[in-house]
PDB file of N, CA and C in Angstrom:
ATOM      1  N   MET A   1     156.616-120.663 -90.113  1.00  0.00           N
ATOM      2  CA  MET A   1     155.404-121.181 -89.526  1.00  0.00           C
ATOM      3  C   MET A   1     154.259-121.183 -90.546  1.00  0.00           C
ATOM      4  N   LYS A   2     154.469-121.819 -91.644  1.00  0.00           N
ATOM      5  CA  LYS A   2     153.450-121.913 -92.665  1.00  0.00           C
ATOM      6  C   LYS A   2     152.440-123.015 -92.384  1.00  0.00           C
ATOM      7  N   THR A   3     152.731-123.864 -91.441  1.00  0.00           N
ATOM      8  CA  THR A   3     151.809-124.971 -91.151  1.00  0.00           C
ATOM      9  C   THR A   3     150.517-124.479 -90.525  1.00  0.00           C
ATOM     10  N   LYS A   4     150.521-123.427 -89.725  1.00  0.00           N
ATOM     11  CA  LYS A   4     149.296-122.923 -89.101  1.00  0.00           C
ATOM     12  C   LYS A   4     148.291-122.430 -90.142  1.00  0.00           C
ATOM     13  N   PRO A   5     148.694-121.586 -91.120  1.00  0.00           N
ATOM     14  CA  PRO A   5     147.718-121.151 -92.123  1.00  0.00           C
ATOM     15  C   PRO A   5     147.173-122.325 -92.949  1.00  0.00           C
ATOM     16  N   ILE A   6     148.010-123.283 -93.290  1.00  0.00           N
ATOM     17  CA  ILE A   6     147.553-124.434 -94.072  1.00  0.00           C
ATOM     18  C   ILE A   6     146.584-125.270 -93.247  1.00  0.00           C
ATOM     19  N   MET A   7     146.917-125.464 -91.992  1.00  0.00           N
ATOM     20  CA  MET A   7     146.058-126.232 -91.099  1.00  0.00           C
ATOM     21  C   MET A   7     144.719-125.514 -90.899  1.00  0.00           C
ATOM     22  N   LEU A   8     144.784-124.202 -90.748  1.00  0.00           N
ATOM     23  CA  LEU A   8     143.569-123.399 -90.572  1.00  0.00           C
ATOM     24  C   LEU A   8     142.674-123.476 -91.811  1.00  0.00           C
ATOM     25  N   ARG A   9     143.269-123.368 -93.000  1.00  0.00           N
ATOM     26  CA  ARG A   9     142.496-123.485 -94.238  1.00  0.00           C
ATOM     27  C   ARG A   9     141.877-124.874 -94.384  1.00  0.00           C
ATOM     28  N   THR A  10     142.605-125.881 -94.042  1.00  0.00           N
ATOM     29  CA  THR A  10     142.096-127.253 -94.132  1.00  0.00           C
ATOM     30  C   THR A  10     140.911-127.443 -93.196  1.00  0.00           C
ATOM     31  N   MET A  11     141.025-126.927 -91.983  1.00  0.00           N
ATOM     32  CA  MET A  11     139.932-127.040 -91.018  1.00  0.00           C
ATOM     33  C   MET A  11     138.715-126.245 -91.495  1.00  0.00           C
ATOM     34  N   LEU A  12     138.948-125.070 -92.059  1.00  0.00           N
ATOM     35  CA  LEU A  12     137.863-124.245 -92.571  1.00  0.00           C
ATOM     36  C   LEU A  12     137.140-124.944 -93.721  1.00  0.00           C
ATOM     37  N   LEU A  13     137.902-125.531 -94.642  1.00  0.00           N
ATOM     38  CA  LEU A  13     137.294-126.268 -95.747  1.00  0.00           C
ATOM     39  C   LEU A  13     136.496-127.472 -95.239  1.00  0.00           C
ATOM     40  N   ALA A  14     137.005-128.153 -94.252  1.00  0.00           N
ATOM     41  CA  ALA A  14     136.302-129.301 -93.678  1.00  0.00           C
ATOM     42  C   ALA A  14     134.980-128.861 -93.051  1.00  0.00           C
ATOM     43  N   CYS A  15     134.996-127.719 -92.351  1.00  0.00           N
ATOM     44  CA  CYS A  15     133.774-127.195 -91.738  1.00  0.00           C
ATOM     45  C   CYS A  15     132.748-126.798 -92.805  1.00  0.00           C
ATOM     46  N   VAL A  16     133.196-126.153 -93.869  1.00  0.00           N
ATOM     47  CA  VAL A  16     132.297-125.764 -94.951  1.00  0.00           C
ATOM     48  C   VAL A  16     131.699-127.013 -95.593  1.00  0.00           C
ATOM     49  N   PHE A  17     132.515-128.023 -95.859  1.00  0.00           N
ATOM     50  CA  PHE A  17     132.025-129.261 -96.448  1.00  0.00           C
ATOM     51  C   PHE A  17     130.983-129.907 -95.545  1.00  0.00           C
ATOM     52  N   LEU A  18     131.245-129.950 -94.261  1.00  0.00           N
ATOM     53  CA  LEU A  18     130.302-130.548 -93.314  1.00  0.00           C
ATOM     54  C   LEU A  18     128.996-129.779 -93.299  1.00  0.00           C
ATOM     55  N   PHE A  19     129.070-128.465 -93.322  1.00  0.00           N
ATOM     56  CA  PHE A  19     127.863-127.628 -93.330  1.00  0.00           C
ATOM     57  C   PHE A  19     127.034-127.882 -94.579  1.00  0.00           C
ATOM     58  N   VAL A  20     127.678-127.915 -95.734  1.00  0.00           N
ATOM     59  CA  VAL A  20     126.974-128.140 -96.997  1.00  0.00           C
ATOM     60  C   VAL A  20     126.347-129.532 -97.014  1.00  0.00           C
ATOM     61  N   ALA A  21     127.061-130.525 -96.550  1.00  0.00           N
ATOM     62  CA  ALA A  21     126.533-131.893 -96.525  1.00  0.00           C
ATOM     63  C   ALA A  21     125.322-131.999 -95.602  1.00  0.00           C
ATOM     64  N   THR A  22     125.379-131.349 -94.461  1.00  0.00           N
ATOM     65  CA  THR A  22     124.268-131.373 -93.510  1.00  0.00           C
ATOM     66  C   THR A  22     123.067-130.623 -94.067  1.00  0.00           C
ATOM     67  N   ALA A  23     123.283-129.463 -94.651  1.00  0.00           N
ATOM     68  CA  ALA A  23     122.188-128.664 -95.206  1.00  0.00           C
ATOM     69  C   ALA A  23     121.510-129.390 -96.361  1.00  0.00           C
ATOM     70  N   THR A  24     122.276-130.065 -97.188  1.00  0.00           N
ATOM     71  CA  THR A  24     121.714-130.790 -98.321  1.00  0.00           C
ATOM     72  C   THR A  24     120.851-131.949 -97.858  1.00  0.00           C
ATOM     73  N   SER A  25     121.242-132.650 -96.810  1.00  0.00           N
ATOM     74  CA  SER A  25     120.457-133.794 -96.347  1.00  0.00           C
ATOM     75  C   SER A  25     119.132-133.353 -95.739  1.00  0.00           C
ATOM     76  N   ALA A  26     119.026-132.095 -95.324  1.00  0.00           N
ATOM     77  CA  ALA A  26     117.778-131.598 -94.737  1.00  0.00           C
ATOM     78  C   ALA A  26     116.787-131.117 -95.791  1.00  0.00           C
ATOM     79  N   LEU A  27     117.205-131.037 -97.045  1.00  0.00           N
ATOM     80  CA  LEU A  27     116.316-130.577 -98.105  1.00  0.00           C
ATOM     81  C   LEU A  27     115.251-131.619 -98.402  1.00  0.00           C
ATOM     82  N   ALA A  28     114.129-131.165 -98.911  1.00  0.00           N
ATOM     83  CA  ALA A  28     113.025-132.062 -99.259  1.00  0.00           C
ATOM     84  C   ALA A  28     113.399-132.902-100.471  1.00  0.00           C
ATOM     85  N   MET A  29     112.875-134.118-100.484  1.00  0.00           N
ATOM     86  CA  MET A  29     113.103-135.038-101.591  1.00  0.00           C
ATOM     87  C   MET A  29     111.785-135.257-102.316  1.00  0.00           C
ATOM     88  N   SER A  30     111.786-135.155-103.632  1.00  0.00           N
ATOM     89  CA  SER A  30     110.580-135.401-104.409  1.00  0.00           C
ATOM     90  C   SER A  30     110.340-136.903-104.479  1.00  0.00           C
ATOM     91  N   GLU A  31     109.142-137.314-104.102  1.00  0.00           N
ATOM     92  CA  GLU A  31     108.793-138.730-104.065  1.00  0.00           C
ATOM     93  C   GLU A  31     107.354-138.926-104.502  1.00  0.00           C
ATOM     94  N   GLU A  32     107.012-140.172-104.794  1.00  0.00           N
ATOM     95  CA  GLU A  32     105.623-140.538-105.020  1.00  0.00           C
ATOM     96  C   GLU A  32     105.211-141.434-103.856  1.00  0.00           C
ATOM     97  N   LEU A  33     104.124-141.051-103.195  1.00  0.00           N
ATOM     98  CA  LEU A  33     103.586-141.829-102.092  1.00  0.00           C
ATOM     99  C   LEU A  33     102.192-142.312-102.463  1.00  0.00           C
ATOM    100  N   ILE A  34     101.865-143.512-102.050  1.00  0.00           N
ATOM    101  CA  ILE A  34     100.537-144.063-102.278  1.00  0.00           C
ATOM    102  C   ILE A  34      99.894-144.310-100.928  1.00  0.00           C
ATOM    103  N   GLY A  35      98.667-143.836-100.787  1.00  0.00           N
ATOM    104  CA  GLY A  35      97.970-144.014 -99.528  1.00  0.00           C
ATOM    105  C   GLY A  35      96.546-143.522 -99.614  1.00  0.00           C
ATOM    106  N   THR A  36      95.907-143.449 -98.461  1.00  0.00           N
ATOM    107  CA  THR A  36      94.521-143.010 -98.372  1.00  0.00           C
ATOM    108  C   THR A  36      94.475-141.622 -97.754  1.00  0.00           C
ATOM    109  N   VAL A  37      93.685-140.740 -98.339  1.00  0.00           N
ATOM    110  CA  VAL A  37      93.529-139.391 -97.796  1.00  0.00           C
ATOM    111  C   VAL A  37      92.604-139.480 -96.580  1.00  0.00           C
ATOM    112  N   VAL A  38      93.069-138.918 -95.459  1.00  0.00           N
ATOM    113  CA  VAL A  38      92.297-138.904 -94.216  1.00  0.00           C
ATOM    114  C   VAL A  38      92.240-137.482 -93.681  1.00  0.00           C
ATOM    115  N   LYS A  39      91.206-137.201 -92.868  1.00  0.00           N
ATOM    116  CA  LYS A  39      91.110-135.896 -92.211  1.00  0.00           C
ATOM    117  C   LYS A  39      91.756-136.005 -90.843  1.00  0.00           C
ATOM    118  N   THR A  40      92.534-134.982 -90.484  1.00  0.00           N
ATOM    119  CA  THR A  40      93.143-134.910 -89.157  1.00  0.00           C
ATOM    120  C   THR A  40      92.814-133.548 -88.550  1.00  0.00           C
ATOM    121  N   ASP A  41      93.207-133.353 -87.304  1.00  0.00           N
ATOM    122  CA  ASP A  41      93.020-132.051 -86.656  1.00  0.00           C
ATOM    123  C   ASP A  41      93.819-130.953 -87.357  1.00  0.00           C
ATOM    124  N   ASN A  42      94.885-131.354 -88.072  1.00  0.00           N
ATOM    125  CA  ASN A  42      95.749-130.388 -88.762  1.00  0.00           C
ATOM    126  C   ASN A  42      95.424-130.244 -90.241  1.00  0.00           C
ATOM    127  N   GLY A  43      94.341-130.886 -90.709  1.00  0.00           N
ATOM    128  CA  GLY A  43      93.975-130.838 -92.120  1.00  0.00           C
ATOM    129  C   GLY A  43      94.073-132.217 -92.741  1.00  0.00           C
ATOM    130  N   ALA A  44      94.080-132.249 -94.057  1.00  0.00           N
ATOM    131  CA  ALA A  44      94.152-133.530 -94.763  1.00  0.00           C
ATOM    132  C   ALA A  44      95.553-134.117 -94.641  1.00  0.00           C
ATOM    133  N   ALA A  45      95.595-135.452 -94.569  1.00  0.00           N
ATOM    134  CA  ALA A  45      96.865-136.163 -94.497  1.00  0.00           C
ATOM    135  C   ALA A  45      96.779-137.384 -95.400  1.00  0.00           C
ATOM    136  N   LEU A  46      97.940-137.883 -95.784  1.00  0.00           N
ATOM    137  CA  LEU A  46      98.023-139.100 -96.567  1.00  0.00           C
ATOM    138  C   LEU A  46      98.480-140.212 -95.640  1.00  0.00           C
ATOM    139  N   SER A  47      97.624-141.207 -95.453  1.00  0.00           N
ATOM    140  CA  SER A  47      97.954-142.342 -94.580  1.00  0.00           C
ATOM    141  C   SER A  47      98.588-143.432 -95.432  1.00  0.00           C
ATOM    142  N   THR A  48      99.856-143.732 -95.155  1.00  0.00           N
ATOM    143  CA  THR A  48     100.605-144.741 -95.916  1.00  0.00           C
ATOM    144  C   THR A  48     101.108-145.815 -94.967  1.00  0.00           C
ATOM    145  N   ASP A  49     101.737-146.834 -95.532  1.00  0.00           N
ATOM    146  CA  ASP A  49     102.354-147.879 -94.711  1.00  0.00           C
ATOM    147  C   ASP A  49     103.469-147.313 -93.829  1.00  0.00           C
ATOM    148  N   ALA A  50     104.067-146.202 -94.262  1.00  0.00           N
ATOM    149  CA  ALA A  50     105.165-145.578 -93.522  1.00  0.00           C
ATOM    150  C   ALA A  50     104.685-144.511 -92.541  1.00  0.00           C
ATOM    151  N   GLY A  51     103.353-144.339 -92.400  1.00  0.00           N
ATOM    152  CA  GLY A  51     102.810-143.348 -91.477  1.00  0.00           C
ATOM    153  C   GLY A  51     102.005-142.293 -92.204  1.00  0.00           C
ATOM    154  N   GLU A  52     101.614-141.261 -91.458  1.00  0.00           N
ATOM    155  CA  GLU A  52     100.814-140.176 -92.027  1.00  0.00           C
ATOM    156  C   GLU A  52     101.698-138.999 -92.422  1.00  0.00           C
ATOM    157  N   TYR A  53     101.369-138.435 -93.582  1.00  0.00           N
ATOM    158  CA  TYR A  53     102.068-137.264 -94.103  1.00  0.00           C
ATOM    159  C   TYR A  53     101.049-136.144 -94.227  1.00  0.00           C
ATOM    160  N   LEU A  54     101.264-135.050 -93.521  1.00  0.00           N
ATOM    161  CA  LEU A  54     100.385-133.890 -93.630  1.00  0.00           C
ATOM    162  C   LEU A  54     100.521-133.326 -95.040  1.00  0.00           C
ATOM    163  N   ILE A  55      99.381-133.075 -95.692  1.00  0.00           N
ATOM    164  CA  ILE A  55      99.372-132.611 -97.077  1.00  0.00           C
ATOM    165  C   ILE A  55      99.450-131.093 -97.110  1.00  0.00           C
ATOM    166  N   LEU A  56     100.430-130.582 -97.849  1.00  0.00           N
ATOM    167  CA  LEU A  56     100.626-129.140 -98.004  1.00  0.00           C
ATOM    168  C   LEU A  56     100.514-128.771 -99.477  1.00  0.00           C
ATOM    169  N   GLY A  57     100.085-127.556 -99.748  1.00  0.00           N
ATOM    170  CA  GLY A  57     100.110-127.024-101.102  1.00  0.00           C
ATOM    171  C   GLY A  57      98.844-127.217-101.910  1.00  0.00           C
ATOM    172  N   LYS A  58      98.034-128.206-101.577  1.00  0.00           N
ATOM    173  CA  LYS A  58      96.766-128.425-102.281  1.00  0.00           C
ATOM    174  C   LYS A  58      95.741-128.917-101.278  1.00  0.00           C
ATOM    175  N   ASP A  59      94.494-128.539-101.506  1.00  0.00           N
ATOM    176  CA  ASP A  59      93.399-128.990-100.643  1.00  0.00           C
ATOM    177  C   ASP A  59      92.883-130.323-101.176  1.00  0.00           C
ATOM    178  N   LEU A  60      93.189-131.398-100.468  1.00  0.00           N
ATOM    179  CA  LEU A  60      92.762-132.723-100.910  1.00  0.00           C
ATOM    180  C   LEU A  60      91.665-133.304-100.028  1.00  0.00           C
ATOM    181  N   GLU A  61      91.006-132.464 -99.217  1.00  0.00           N
ATOM    182  CA  GLU A  61      89.957-132.983 -98.332  1.00  0.00           C
ATOM    183  C   GLU A  61      88.807-133.607 -99.120  1.00  0.00           C
ATOM    184  N   SER A  62      88.575-133.168-100.343  1.00  0.00           N
ATOM    185  CA  SER A  62      87.506-133.762-101.154  1.00  0.00           C
ATOM    186  C   SER A  62      87.857-135.194-101.572  1.00  0.00           C
ATOM    187  N   TYR A  63      89.114-135.584-101.412  1.00  0.00           N
ATOM    188  CA  TYR A  63      89.563-136.939-101.727  1.00  0.00           C
ATOM    189  C   TYR A  63      89.526-137.861-100.501  1.00  0.00           C
ATOM    190  N   THR A  64      88.982-137.392 -99.387  1.00  0.00           N
ATOM    191  CA  THR A  64      88.965-138.181 -98.156  1.00  0.00           C
ATOM    192  C   THR A  64      88.364-139.561 -98.420  1.00  0.00           C
ATOM    193  N   GLY A  65      89.105-140.581 -98.011  1.00  0.00           N
ATOM    194  CA  GLY A  65      88.677-141.960 -98.197  1.00  0.00           C
ATOM    195  C   GLY A  65      89.181-142.586 -99.485  1.00  0.00           C
ATOM    196  N   ASP A  66      89.673-141.775-100.417  1.00  0.00           N
ATOM    197  CA  ASP A  66      90.181-142.290-101.688  1.00  0.00           C
ATOM    198  C   ASP A  66      91.638-142.727-101.544  1.00  0.00           C
ATOM    199  N   THR A  67      92.000-143.756-102.294  1.00  0.00           N
ATOM    200  CA  THR A  67      93.397-144.163-102.392  1.00  0.00           C
ATOM    201  C   THR A  67      93.991-143.395-103.561  1.00  0.00           C
ATOM    202  N   VAL A  68      95.093-142.709-103.297  1.00  0.00           N
ATOM    203  CA  VAL A  68      95.693-141.829-104.295  1.00  0.00           C
ATOM    204  C   VAL A  68      97.199-142.037-104.380  1.00  0.00           C
ATOM    205  N   ALA A  69      97.754-141.621-105.499  1.00  0.00           N
ATOM    206  CA  ALA A  69      99.198-141.522-105.672  1.00  0.00           C
ATOM    207  C   ALA A  69      99.515-140.035-105.677  1.00  0.00           C
ATOM    208  N   VAL A  70     100.361-139.620-104.756  1.00  0.00           N
ATOM    209  CA  VAL A  70     100.714-138.210-104.625  1.00  0.00           C
ATOM    210  C   VAL A  70     102.207-138.062-104.897  1.00  0.00           C
ATOM    211  N   THR A  71     102.542-137.135-105.769  1.00  0.00           N
ATOM    212  CA  THR A  71     103.939-136.816-106.037  1.00  0.00           C
ATOM    213  C   THR A  71     104.215-135.435-105.463  1.00  0.00           C
ATOM    214  N   GLY A  72     105.338-135.309-104.759  1.00  0.00           N
ATOM    215  CA  GLY A  72     105.690-134.021-104.188  1.00  0.00           C
ATOM    216  C   GLY A  72     106.935-134.097-103.345  1.00  0.00           C
ATOM    217  N   ASP A  73     107.244-132.981-102.720  1.00  0.00           N
ATOM    218  CA  ASP A  73     108.431-132.880-101.870  1.00  0.00           C
ATOM    219  C   ASP A  73     108.094-133.368-100.469  1.00  0.00           C
ATOM    220  N   VAL A  74     108.797-134.395-100.034  1.00  0.00           N
ATOM    221  CA  VAL A  74     108.575-134.995 -98.721  1.00  0.00           C
ATOM    222  C   VAL A  74     109.620-134.467 -97.749  1.00  0.00           C
ATOM    223  N   GLU A  75     109.142-134.062 -96.577  1.00  0.00           N
ATOM    224  CA  GLU A  75     110.034-133.648 -95.497  1.00  0.00           C
ATOM    225  C   GLU A  75     109.665-134.411 -94.240  1.00  0.00           C
ATOM    226  N   VAL A  76     110.676-134.919 -93.567  1.00  0.00           N
ATOM    227  CA  VAL A  76     110.461-135.603 -92.305  1.00  0.00           C
ATOM    228  C   VAL A  76     111.051-134.723 -91.218  1.00  0.00           C
ATOM    229  N   GLY A  77     110.154-134.076 -90.466  1.00  0.00           N
ATOM    230  CA  GLY A  77     110.587-133.177 -89.408  1.00  0.00           C
ATOM    231  C   GLY A  77     110.525-133.858 -88.052  1.00  0.00           C
ATOM    232  N   ALA A  78     110.913-133.129 -87.044  1.00  0.00           N
ATOM    233  CA  ALA A  78     110.894-133.662 -85.684  1.00  0.00           C
ATOM    234  C   ALA A  78     109.474-133.890 -85.193  1.00  0.00           C
ATOM    235  N   MET A  79     108.530-133.064 -85.641  1.00  0.00           N
ATOM    236  CA  MET A  79     107.153-133.150 -85.163  1.00  0.00           C
ATOM    237  C   MET A  79     106.219-133.872 -86.134  1.00  0.00           C
ATOM    238  N   ALA A  80     106.506-133.812 -87.439  1.00  0.00           N
ATOM    239  CA  ALA A  80     105.580-134.402 -88.403  1.00  0.00           C
ATOM    240  C   ALA A  80     106.278-134.656 -89.732  1.00  0.00           C
ATOM    241  N   LYS A  81     105.656-135.545 -90.508  1.00  0.00           N
ATOM    242  CA  LYS A  81     106.079-135.773 -91.891  1.00  0.00           C
ATOM    243  C   LYS A  81     105.103-135.006 -92.779  1.00  0.00           C
ATOM    244  N   THR A  82     105.641-134.361 -93.824  1.00  0.00           N
ATOM    245  CA  THR A  82     104.785-133.594 -94.723  1.00  0.00           C
ATOM    246  C   THR A  82     105.105-133.939 -96.169  1.00  0.00           C
ATOM    247  N   ILE A  83     104.113-133.690 -97.039  1.00  0.00           N
ATOM    248  CA  ILE A  83     104.351-133.772 -98.473  1.00  0.00           C
ATOM    249  C   ILE A  83     103.715-132.544 -99.112  1.00  0.00           C
ATOM    250  N   ARG A  84     104.530-131.779 -99.832  1.00  0.00           N
ATOM    251  CA  ARG A  84     104.055-130.612-100.579  1.00  0.00           C
ATOM    252  C   ARG A  84     103.677-131.130-101.959  1.00  0.00           C
ATOM    253  N   VAL A  85     102.385-131.185-102.233  1.00  0.00           N
ATOM    254  CA  VAL A  85     101.836-131.879-103.398  1.00  0.00           C
ATOM    255  C   VAL A  85     102.132-131.138-104.698  1.00  0.00           C
ATOM    256  N   ALA A  86     102.698-131.880-105.654  1.00  0.00           N
ATOM    257  CA  ALA A  86     102.886-131.371-107.012  1.00  0.00           C
ATOM    258  C   ALA A  86     101.800-131.940-107.925  1.00  0.00           C
ATOM    259  N   SER A  87     101.452-133.219-107.715  1.00  0.00           N
ATOM    260  CA  SER A  87     100.390-133.841-108.516  1.00  0.00           C
ATOM    261  C   SER A  87      99.731-134.950-107.709  1.00  0.00           C
ATOM    262  N   VAL A  88      98.492-135.243-108.075  1.00  0.00           N
ATOM    263  CA  VAL A  88      97.734-136.290-107.391  1.00  0.00           C
ATOM    264  C   VAL A  88      96.879-137.024-108.420  1.00  0.00           C
ATOM    265  N   SER A  89      96.783-138.342-108.259  1.00  0.00           N
ATOM    266  CA  SER A  89      95.879-139.110-109.114  1.00  0.00           C
ATOM    267  C   SER A  89      95.186-140.173-108.277  1.00  0.00           C
ATOM    268  N   ILE A  90      93.903-140.349-108.537  1.00  0.00           N
ATOM    269  CA  ILE A  90      93.121-141.342-107.815  1.00  0.00           C
ATOM    270  C   ILE A  90      93.425-142.707-108.407  1.00  0.00           C
ATOM    271  N   LEU A  91      93.648-143.678-107.526  1.00  0.00           N
ATOM    272  CA  LEU A  91      93.914-145.041-107.970  1.00  0.00           C
ATOM    273  C   LEU A  91      92.657-145.875-107.823  1.00  0.00           C
ATOM    274  N   ASP A  92      92.360-146.656-108.828  1.00  0.00           N
ATOM    275  CA  ASP A  92      91.219-147.559-108.767  1.00  0.00           C
ATOM    276  C   ASP A  92      91.753-148.919-108.340  1.00  0.00           C
ATOM    277  N   ILE A  93      91.755-149.142-107.025  1.00  0.00           N
ATOM    278  CA  ILE A  93      92.303-150.403-106.524  1.00  0.00           C
ATOM    279  C   ILE A  93      91.222-151.406-106.174  1.00  0.00           C
ATOM    280  N   ASN A  94      89.949-151.036-106.359  1.00  0.00           N
ATOM    281  CA  ASN A  94      88.855-151.950-106.046  1.00  0.00           C
ATOM    282  C   ASN A  94      88.478-152.719-107.304  1.00  0.00           C
ATOM    283  N   PRO A  95      88.911-153.978-107.414  1.00  0.00           N
ATOM    284  CA  PRO A  95      88.569-154.744-108.616  1.00  0.00           C
ATOM    285  C   PRO A  95      87.076-155.062-108.644  1.00  0.00           C
ATOM    286  N   VAL A  96      86.572-155.253-109.830  1.00  0.00           N
ATOM    287  CA  VAL A  96      85.174-155.621-109.979  1.00  0.00           C
ATOM    288  C   VAL A  96      85.024-157.056-109.498  1.00  0.00           C
ATOM    289  N   ILE A  97      84.161-157.252-108.521  1.00  0.00           N
ATOM    290  CA  ILE A  97      83.946-158.580-107.963  1.00  0.00           C
ATOM    291  C   ILE A  97      82.601-159.089-108.467  1.00  0.00           C
ATOM    292  N   LYS A  98      82.648-160.205-109.132  1.00  0.00           N
ATOM    293  CA  LYS A  98      81.425-160.788-109.663  1.00  0.00           C
ATOM    294  C   LYS A  98      80.930-161.850-108.691  1.00  0.00           C
ATOM    295  N   SER A  99      79.642-161.900-108.530  1.00  0.00           N
ATOM    296  CA  SER A  99      79.059-162.900-107.647  1.00  0.00           C
ATOM    297  C   SER A  99      79.138-164.269-108.318  1.00  0.00           C
ATOM    298  N   PRO A 100      79.190-165.338-107.528  1.00  0.00           N
ATOM    299  CA  PRO A 100      79.211-166.685-108.117  1.00  0.00           C
ATOM    300  C   PRO A 100      78.019-166.928-109.029  1.00  0.00           C
ATOM    301  N   ALA A 101      76.830-166.384-108.693  1.00  0.00           N
ATOM    302  CA  ALA A 101      75.645-166.565-109.524  1.00  0.00           C
ATOM    303  C   ALA A 101      75.843-165.917-110.891  1.00  0.00           C
ATOM    304  N   ALA A 102      76.472-164.750-110.935  1.00  0.00           N
ATOM    305  CA  ALA A 102      76.725-164.073-112.203  1.00  0.00           C
ATOM    306  C   ALA A 102      77.720-164.863-113.035  1.00  0.00           C
ATOM    307  N   GLU A 103      78.743-165.411-112.406  1.00  0.00           N
ATOM    308  CA  GLU A 103      79.726-166.223-113.111  1.00  0.00           C
ATOM    309  C   GLU A 103      79.059-167.459-113.708  1.00  0.00           C
ATOM    310  N   GLU A 104      78.163-168.104-112.926  1.00  0.00           N
ATOM    311  CA  GLU A 104      77.485-169.317-113.387  1.00  0.00           C
ATOM    312  C   GLU A 104      76.577-169.004-114.579  1.00  0.00           C
ATOM    313  N   THR A 105      75.885-167.874-114.548  1.00  0.00           N
ATOM    314  CA  THR A 105      75.010-167.460-115.626  1.00  0.00           C
ATOM    315  C   THR A 105      75.816-167.232-116.904  1.00  0.00           C
ATOM    316  N   MET A 106      76.992-166.641-116.780  1.00  0.00           N
ATOM    317  CA  MET A 106      77.823-166.369-117.948  1.00  0.00           C
ATOM    318  C   MET A 106      78.302-167.664-118.601  1.00  0.00           C
ATOM    319  N   HIS A 107      78.609-168.686-117.790  1.00  0.00           N
ATOM    320  CA  HIS A 107      79.115-169.944-118.335  1.00  0.00           C
ATOM    321  C   HIS A 107      78.005-170.761-118.981  1.00  0.00           C
ATOM    322  N   HIS A 108      76.758-170.634-118.555  1.00  0.00           N
ATOM    323  CA  HIS A 108      75.665-171.433-119.080  1.00  0.00           C
ATOM    324  C   HIS A 108      75.008-170.822-120.315  1.00  0.00           C
ATOM    325  N   LYS A 109      75.381-169.593-120.664  1.00  0.00           N
ATOM    326  CA  LYS A 109      74.763-168.960-121.838  1.00  0.00           C
ATOM    327  C   LYS A 109      75.248-169.603-123.128  1.00  0.00           C
ATOM    328  N   GLY A 110      76.389-170.230-123.076  1.00  0.00           N
ATOM    329  CA  GLY A 110      77.013-170.977-124.086  1.00  0.00           C
ATOM    330  C   GLY A 110      76.992-170.675-125.451  1.00  0.00           C
TER     331      GLY A 110
END
């Protein structure tokens, strides 16, 4: 009756593999997100096209209203999405807009 121990070992290995695969998928993934820092009842959050991510690890409330690129570990939980910030940089996405009068003056200086 050697089939029972072999079958038992195979089932045990399958269970261990499944556990490891499930645990690994729950780990945080390092990503770069771009969005606007907003204040929420739970603290600062990053508002992106994919939703709001509660900011952990750094106080970014002074960046409220700024568009930033945040790199960090992202976790999507049952109650909220979070990003544990490793680095942040402010993005200058507002191009300089010249008035038509200024453009006309520049062309006539010749």
